[in-house]
Amino acid sequence: MDVNLIFKIAGIGIFISIINIVLKQADKEEQAQMITLVSVIIVMTVVIQLISQLFNDVRTVFRF
């Protein structure tokens, strides 16, 4: 497994949490929620692509 991918996801989480805190202190809670939602969608897209690649690798190994 690629460790860089874990660091990218963790970096996105840290960056978004800092932006979220700044926006909440500026009374922009709606924008903070939208940015959090967008970041979750981005991370889920990356994870879904990895799961798809895993299933393709398993299919190749077992020749289905």
Protein backbone atom coordinates (compact mmCIF):
# COMPACT_ATOMS: atom_id res chain seq x y z
CA MET A 1 0.00 0.00 0.00
CA ASP A 2 1.19 3.44 -0.82
CA VAL A 3 1.94 5.42 2.32
CA ASN A 4 1.85 8.69 0.39
CA LEU A 5 -1.87 8.24 -0.16
CA ILE A 6 -2.45 8.01 3.59
CA PHE A 7 -0.46 11.21 4.08
CA LYS A 8 -2.48 12.95 1.34
CA ILE A 9 -5.77 12.01 3.00
CA ALA A 10 -4.46 13.07 6.41
CA GLY A 11 -3.18 16.34 4.93
CA ILE A 12 -6.55 17.06 3.38
CA GLY A 13 -8.19 16.39 6.75
CA ILE A 14 -5.84 18.69 8.64
CA PHE A 15 -6.16 21.45 6.03
CA ILE A 16 -9.95 21.27 5.99
CA SER A 17 -10.18 21.24 9.77
CA ILE A 18 -8.09 24.42 9.97
CA ILE A 19 -10.25 26.11 7.33
CA ASN A 20 -13.35 24.89 9.17
CA ILE A 21 -12.18 26.43 12.46
CA VAL A 22 -11.33 29.75 10.78
CA LEU A 23 -14.69 29.93 9.02
CA LYS A 24 -16.64 29.07 12.17
CA GLN A 25 -14.86 31.81 14.09
CA ALA A 26 -15.77 34.24 11.29
CA ASP A 27 -19.45 33.24 11.66
CA LYS A 28 -19.46 31.51 8.27
CA GLU A 29 -20.75 28.14 9.45
CA GLU A 30 -22.62 27.40 6.24
CA GLN A 31 -19.47 27.75 4.14
CA ALA A 32 -17.57 25.63 6.66
CA GLN A 33 -20.11 22.85 6.29
CA MET A 34 -19.98 23.05 2.50
CA ILE A 35 -16.18 22.82 2.46
CA THR A 36 -16.31 19.87 4.84
CA LEU A 37 -18.86 18.14 2.63
CA VAL A 38 -16.79 18.74 -0.51
CA SER A 39 -13.65 17.39 1.17
CA VAL A 40 -15.51 14.25 2.29
CA ILE A 41 -16.71 13.72 -1.29
CA ILE A 42 -13.16 14.14 -2.63
CA VAL A 43 -11.71 11.66 -0.14
CA MET A 44 -14.52 9.18 -0.77
CA THR A 45 -13.87 9.41 -4.51
CA VAL A 46 -10.22 8.51 -3.95
CA VAL A 47 -11.17 5.62 -1.66
CA ILE A 48 -13.77 4.29 -4.12
CA GLN A 49 -11.18 4.34 -6.90
CA LEU A 50 -8.79 2.34 -4.71
CA ILE A 51 -11.50 -0.19 -3.88
CA SER A 52 -12.31 -0.51 -7.58
CA GLN A 53 -8.65 -1.13 -8.33
CA LEU A 54 -8.55 -3.77 -5.57
CA PHE A 55 -11.55 -5.59 -7.04
CA ASN A 56 -9.97 -5.50 -10.50
CA ASP A 57 -6.75 -6.95 -9.09
CA VAL A 58 -8.67 -9.72 -7.31
CA ARG A 59 -10.59 -10.44 -10.52
CA THR A 60 -7.30 -10.64 -12.43
CA VAL A 61 -5.74 -12.97 -9.88
CA PHE A 62 -8.69 -15.36 -9.90
CA ARG A 63 -9.43 -14.81 -13.63
CA PHE A 64 -13.16 -14.12 -13.34
